[in-house]
């Protein structure tokens, strides 16, 4: 019996030499896995509840980004002759919102009614947005986004369907509608600017915006300050092509002194910005 103990001891030592490396591998692998999930942007990271604002601004991008309150309550558009138009109501039909997820981020664990595939989360909207307040006309559910650095957001502006808004709504058959007043020759007159263009606009921040639990909001800033820069409304009024008076001046694709949408196409793509709050 005594001769068996050394043999058993040898076998135990050999077994331990085999088992210890395996245990070490398991410990290291498990630790790495936890670090990757907690510090990266993979599945299992806590999601942040993010509200989105879509805001019209006539500030420069730099000025809008440094404003403490990015809501622009002093909107001013100028035509080519310098005539100032001051909208107090800016509305748009938002058809779809797409968010590019950070590099290796996976879809959030709970995405609600949103859709998500590798690299992109999107929401089919189909609703009116107030671009002065930055919010939709009806309740907006926050986006649940995995933690990470976000650089790109895409918004598709389109015309509402036939039953989505009333026929008397200025957005009927239009993607954007601006309403306000302008002052000319001492007379204050209302105006309505209607845009029928369908656009998918990119809002980007090249540096990136860090989203983490506790983050609250993303703001997409849409520059509208030059939307009338291709028209000379004052000259058109002087020439008699437009009726004088105090009734609402309508500017749309049927405007008699030039199709401003031709020039507006060039403005899109040059006046979008994305910022975090």
Protein backbone atom coordinates (compact mmCIF):
# COMPACT_ATOMS: atom_id res chain seq x y z
CA UNK A 1 0.00 0.00 0.00
CA UNK A 2 2.81 2.37 0.90
CA UNK A 3 4.26 1.99 -2.59
CA UNK A 4 1.06 3.40 -4.13
CA UNK A 5 1.25 6.81 -2.42
CA UNK A 6 4.11 8.21 -4.45
CA UNK A 7 2.42 7.11 -7.65
CA UNK A 8 -0.84 8.73 -6.55
CA UNK A 9 1.00 11.91 -5.61
CA UNK A 10 2.64 12.06 -9.04
CA UNK A 11 -0.71 11.58 -10.72
CA UNK A 12 -2.23 14.37 -8.60
CA UNK A 13 0.61 16.74 -9.46
CA UNK A 14 0.21 15.98 -13.18
CA UNK A 15 -3.53 16.54 -12.95
CA UNK A 16 -3.05 19.88 -11.23
CA UNK A 17 -0.57 20.96 -13.89
CA UNK A 18 -3.27 20.30 -16.48
CA UNK A 19 -6.14 21.86 -14.57
CA UNK A 20 -4.50 25.11 -13.41
CA UNK A 21 -3.79 26.49 -16.91
CA UNK A 22 -7.39 25.74 -17.90
CA UNK A 23 -8.72 27.59 -14.85
CA UNK A 24 -6.42 30.52 -15.54
CA UNK A 25 -7.64 30.67 -19.14
CA UNK A 26 -11.27 30.68 -18.00
CA UNK A 27 -10.65 33.46 -15.48
CA UNK A 28 -8.81 35.65 -18.00
CA UNK A 29 -11.40 35.02 -20.72
CA UNK A 30 -14.30 35.85 -18.42
CA UNK A 31 -12.57 39.01 -17.21
CA UNK A 32 -11.88 40.18 -20.77
CA UNK A 33 -15.46 39.54 -21.74
CA UNK A 34 -16.72 41.70 -18.89
CA UNK A 35 -14.33 44.52 -19.77
CA UNK A 36 -15.36 44.44 -23.42
CA UNK A 37 -19.06 44.72 -22.65
CA UNK A 38 -18.70 47.39 -19.97
CA UNK A 39 -16.21 49.55 -21.79
CA UNK A 40 -17.20 49.04 -25.41
CA UNK A 41 -20.40 49.42 -27.37
CA UNK A 42 -21.47 45.83 -27.77
CA UNK A 43 -24.70 44.14 -26.75
CA UNK A 44 -25.34 44.33 -23.04
CA UNK A 45 -24.18 47.95 -22.69
CA UNK A 46 -26.72 50.14 -20.90
CA UNK A 47 -28.87 52.07 -23.35
CA UNK A 48 -29.45 55.81 -23.08
CA UNK A 49 -32.91 57.32 -23.44
CA UNK A 50 -32.46 60.16 -25.91
CA UNK A 51 -34.97 62.80 -26.98
CA UNK A 52 -34.48 64.22 -30.48
CA UNK A 53 -35.09 67.83 -31.44
CA UNK A 54 -35.26 69.05 -35.04
CA UNK A 55 -34.77 72.81 -35.01
CA UNK A 56 -34.86 75.50 -37.66
CA UNK A 57 -32.20 78.18 -37.29
CA UNK A 58 -31.07 81.24 -39.24
CA UNK A 59 -27.86 81.54 -37.24
CA UNK A 60 -24.58 80.37 -38.67
CA UNK A 61 -23.64 76.86 -37.67
CA UNK A 62 -20.93 78.21 -35.34
CA UNK A 63 -23.34 80.60 -33.62
CA UNK A 64 -26.04 77.95 -33.29
CA UNK A 65 -23.59 75.50 -31.74
CA UNK A 66 -22.37 77.98 -29.12
CA UNK A 67 -25.85 79.19 -28.15
CA UNK A 68 -26.83 78.21 -24.62
CA UNK A 69 -30.38 77.67 -25.84
CA UNK A 70 -30.21 76.52 -29.48
CA UNK A 71 -33.89 77.26 -30.10
CA UNK A 72 -33.79 80.24 -32.48
CA UNK A 73 -36.70 82.52 -31.57
CA UNK A 74 -35.44 85.33 -33.80
CA UNK A 75 -35.67 83.65 -37.20
CA UNK A 76 -34.96 86.01 -40.11
CA UNK A 77 -34.85 85.12 -43.82
CA UNK A 78 -33.68 87.64 -46.41
CA UNK A 79 -34.36 87.69 -50.12
CA UNK A 80 -31.74 88.76 -52.65
CA UNK A 81 -32.76 92.41 -52.22
CA UNK A 82 -32.38 92.32 -48.44
CA UNK A 83 -36.10 92.24 -47.62
CA UNK A 84 -36.56 90.51 -44.26
CA UNK A 85 -39.10 87.78 -43.58
CA UNK A 86 -39.69 86.72 -39.97
CA UNK A 87 -41.32 83.30 -39.59
CA UNK A 88 -42.97 82.54 -36.27
CA UNK A 89 -44.15 79.10 -37.30
CA UNK A 90 -42.03 76.49 -39.10
CA UNK A 91 -43.47 73.05 -39.66
CA UNK A 92 -42.31 69.99 -41.59
CA UNK A 93 -43.51 66.49 -42.40
CA UNK A 94 -40.88 64.05 -41.12
CA UNK A 95 -41.21 60.70 -42.81
CA UNK A 96 -38.22 58.79 -41.42
CA UNK A 97 -35.32 59.21 -38.97
CA UNK A 98 -32.15 57.12 -39.19
CA UNK A 99 -29.33 56.99 -36.65
CA UNK A 100 -25.93 55.52 -37.53
CA UNK A 101 -24.77 53.43 -34.56
CA UNK A 102 -21.15 53.70 -33.37
CA UNK A 103 -18.54 51.48 -35.01
CA UNK A 104 -19.04 48.10 -33.37
CA UNK A 105 -22.31 48.82 -31.55
CA UNK A 106 -25.09 46.32 -31.78
CA UNK A 107 -28.79 47.10 -31.75
CA UNK A 108 -30.14 48.10 -28.33
CA UNK A 109 -31.62 45.36 -26.17
CA UNK A 110 -35.00 47.11 -26.13
CA UNK A 111 -35.69 49.25 -29.16
CA UNK A 112 -39.45 49.65 -28.74
CA UNK A 113 -41.21 50.31 -32.02
CA UNK A 114 -37.99 51.28 -33.80
CA UNK A 115 -36.32 49.07 -36.38
CA UNK A 116 -32.66 48.16 -36.27
CA UNK A 117 -30.13 46.33 -38.35
CA UNK A 118 -26.36 46.16 -38.04
CA UNK A 119 -25.09 49.74 -38.09
CA UNK A 120 -28.39 51.64 -38.28
CA UNK A 121 -31.46 52.23 -36.12
CA UNK A 122 -34.44 53.90 -37.74
CA UNK A 123 -37.94 55.10 -37.02
CA UNK A 124 -40.67 55.57 -39.62
CA UNK A 125 -42.29 58.75 -38.39
CA UNK A 126 -45.06 60.07 -40.60
CA UNK A 127 -45.83 63.06 -38.42
CA UNK A 128 -45.70 66.85 -38.29
CA UNK A 129 -42.76 68.48 -36.50
CA UNK A 130 -42.70 72.00 -35.10
CA UNK A 131 -39.21 73.21 -36.05
CA UNK A 132 -39.36 76.27 -33.78
CA UNK A 133 -39.88 74.23 -30.62
CA UNK A 134 -38.04 71.25 -32.10
CA UNK A 135 -40.69 68.67 -31.26
CA UNK A 136 -43.41 66.75 -33.11
CA UNK A 137 -47.04 67.77 -32.84
CA UNK A 138 -47.81 64.49 -31.07
CA UNK A 139 -45.98 62.64 -28.29
CA UNK A 140 -42.51 61.50 -29.27
CA UNK A 141 -41.09 58.34 -27.69
CA UNK A 142 -37.39 58.76 -26.82
CA UNK A 143 -34.83 56.78 -28.78
CA UNK A 144 -33.03 54.02 -26.89
CA UNK A 145 -29.43 54.14 -28.09
CA UNK A 146 -26.46 52.03 -27.00
CA UNK A 147 -23.60 53.95 -25.41
CA UNK A 148 -20.98 55.25 -27.80
CA UNK A 149 -19.93 58.13 -30.05
CA UNK A 150 -22.50 59.24 -32.63
CA UNK A 151 -21.64 61.19 -35.75
CA UNK A 152 -24.49 60.93 -38.25
CA UNK A 153 -28.26 61.27 -38.29
CA UNK A 154 -30.43 61.24 -41.41
CA UNK A 155 -33.93 62.69 -41.68
CA UNK A 156 -36.25 62.25 -44.64
CA UNK A 157 -38.67 65.12 -45.21
CA UNK A 158 -41.55 64.25 -47.50
CA UNK A 159 -45.11 65.20 -48.35
CA UNK A 160 -47.80 63.83 -46.03
CA UNK A 161 -50.31 61.34 -47.35
CA UNK A 162 -53.73 62.49 -48.43
CA UNK A 163 -55.39 61.75 -45.08
CA UNK A 164 -52.45 62.70 -42.82
CA UNK A 165 -53.29 66.40 -42.68
CA UNK A 166 -56.38 68.37 -43.64
CA UNK A 167 -56.56 69.89 -47.10
CA UNK A 168 -56.63 73.36 -45.55
CA UNK A 169 -53.33 72.72 -43.72
CA UNK A 170 -50.42 74.55 -45.31
CA UNK A 171 -48.48 71.27 -45.22
CA UNK A 172 -51.01 69.58 -47.49
CA UNK A 173 -48.93 68.44 -50.47
CA UNK A 174 -45.83 70.12 -48.96
CA UNK A 175 -42.82 68.99 -46.98
CA UNK A 176 -42.17 72.34 -45.26
CA UNK A 177 -44.34 75.34 -44.41
CA UNK A 178 -43.11 78.62 -42.94
CA UNK A 179 -45.56 81.29 -41.78
CA UNK A 180 -44.85 84.76 -40.44
CA UNK A 181 -44.73 88.41 -41.42
CA UNK A 182 -42.58 90.85 -43.37
CA UNK A 183 -42.39 94.64 -43.26
CA UNK A 184 -42.25 96.67 -46.45
CA UNK A 185 -42.95 100.35 -47.02
CA UNK A 186 -44.32 100.61 -43.51
CA UNK A 187 -46.85 97.83 -44.03
CA UNK A 188 -46.72 94.57 -42.08
CA UNK A 189 -47.96 91.72 -44.22
CA UNK A 190 -48.27 87.97 -43.52
CA UNK A 191 -46.48 85.49 -45.73
CA UNK A 192 -46.51 81.75 -46.21
CA UNK A 193 -43.57 79.85 -47.70
CA UNK A 194 -44.39 76.35 -48.90
CA UNK A 195 -41.80 73.80 -50.03
CA UNK A 196 -42.77 70.68 -51.96
CA UNK A 197 -39.28 69.20 -52.25
CA UNK A 198 -38.63 65.70 -50.92
CA UNK A 199 -35.26 65.58 -49.20
CA UNK A 200 -33.22 63.13 -47.17
CA UNK A 201 -30.84 65.37 -45.24
CA UNK A 202 -27.71 64.35 -43.36
CA UNK A 203 -26.99 65.96 -39.97
CA UNK A 204 -23.44 65.29 -38.88
CA UNK A 205 -20.78 66.07 -36.31
CA UNK A 206 -17.32 65.04 -37.50
CA UNK A 207 -15.89 64.95 -33.96
CA UNK A 208 -18.73 62.84 -32.63
CA UNK A 209 -21.20 63.17 -29.78
CA UNK A 210 -20.77 60.92 -26.77
CA UNK A 211 -23.96 59.17 -25.68
CA UNK A 212 -24.06 57.41 -22.31
CA UNK A 213 -26.66 56.71 -19.64
CA UNK A 214 -27.58 60.15 -18.32
CA UNK A 215 -27.35 61.79 -21.74
CA UNK A 216 -30.64 63.44 -22.60
CA UNK A 217 -30.88 64.91 -26.05
CA UNK A 218 -29.65 65.24 -29.63
CA UNK A 219 -30.46 68.34 -31.66
CA UNK A 220 -30.56 68.37 -35.46
CA UNK A 221 -30.16 71.97 -36.65
CA UNK A 222 -31.60 72.88 -40.05
CA UNK A 223 -30.37 76.18 -41.48
CA UNK A 224 -33.16 78.05 -43.30
CA UNK A 225 -31.65 81.55 -43.43
CA UNK A 226 -30.91 81.50 -47.16
CA UNK A 227 -34.04 79.80 -48.40
CA UNK A 228 -35.23 83.01 -50.12
CA UNK A 229 -31.83 84.21 -51.31
CA UNK A 230 -32.58 83.35 -54.95
CA UNK A 231 -35.70 85.58 -55.08
CA UNK A 232 -36.20 89.36 -55.15
CA UNK A 233 -39.69 89.62 -53.67
CA UNK A 234 -39.54 93.41 -53.36
CA UNK A 235 -38.75 93.84 -57.05
CA UNK A 236 -41.54 91.42 -57.91
CA UNK A 237 -44.01 93.52 -55.89
CA UNK A 238 -42.79 96.73 -57.53
CA UNK A 239 -43.22 95.21 -60.96
CA UNK A 240 -46.86 94.40 -60.31
CA UNK A 241 -46.41 90.66 -60.70
CA UNK A 242 -47.74 90.24 -57.17
CA UNK A 243 -50.87 91.86 -55.79
CA UNK A 244 -50.28 94.68 -53.33
CA UNK A 245 -52.24 94.89 -50.09
CA UNK A 246 -52.20 93.20 -46.71
CA UNK A 247 -53.41 89.72 -47.60
CA UNK A 248 -51.10 86.72 -47.16
CA UNK A 249 -48.25 86.58 -49.67
CA UNK A 250 -47.80 82.98 -50.78
CA UNK A 251 -44.38 81.89 -51.97
CA UNK A 252 -44.30 78.43 -53.52
CA UNK A 253 -43.24 76.71 -56.73
CA UNK A 254 -45.87 78.75 -58.62
CA UNK A 255 -44.36 82.06 -57.50
CA UNK A 256 -44.51 84.34 -60.58
CA UNK A 257 -41.02 85.80 -60.24
CA UNK A 258 -38.93 82.64 -60.14
CA UNK A 259 -39.00 79.13 -58.75
CA UNK A 260 -37.19 79.49 -55.44
CA UNK A 261 -37.04 75.70 -55.09
CA UNK A 262 -34.35 75.61 -57.78
CA UNK A 263 -32.09 77.66 -55.52
CA UNK A 264 -33.25 75.86 -52.42
CA UNK A 265 -31.96 72.58 -53.75
CA UNK A 266 -28.47 74.04 -53.52
CA UNK A 267 -29.03 75.15 -49.91
CA UNK A 268 -29.88 71.63 -48.77
CA UNK A 269 -26.73 69.75 -47.89
CA UNK A 270 -24.90 72.90 -46.78
CA UNK A 271 -26.82 73.93 -43.70
CA UNK A 272 -27.27 70.91 -41.43
CA UNK A 273 -25.60 70.27 -38.10
CA UNK A 274 -25.89 67.82 -35.22
CA UNK A 275 -25.18 68.60 -31.58
CA UNK A 276 -25.65 67.03 -28.19
CA UNK A 277 -27.16 68.68 -25.14
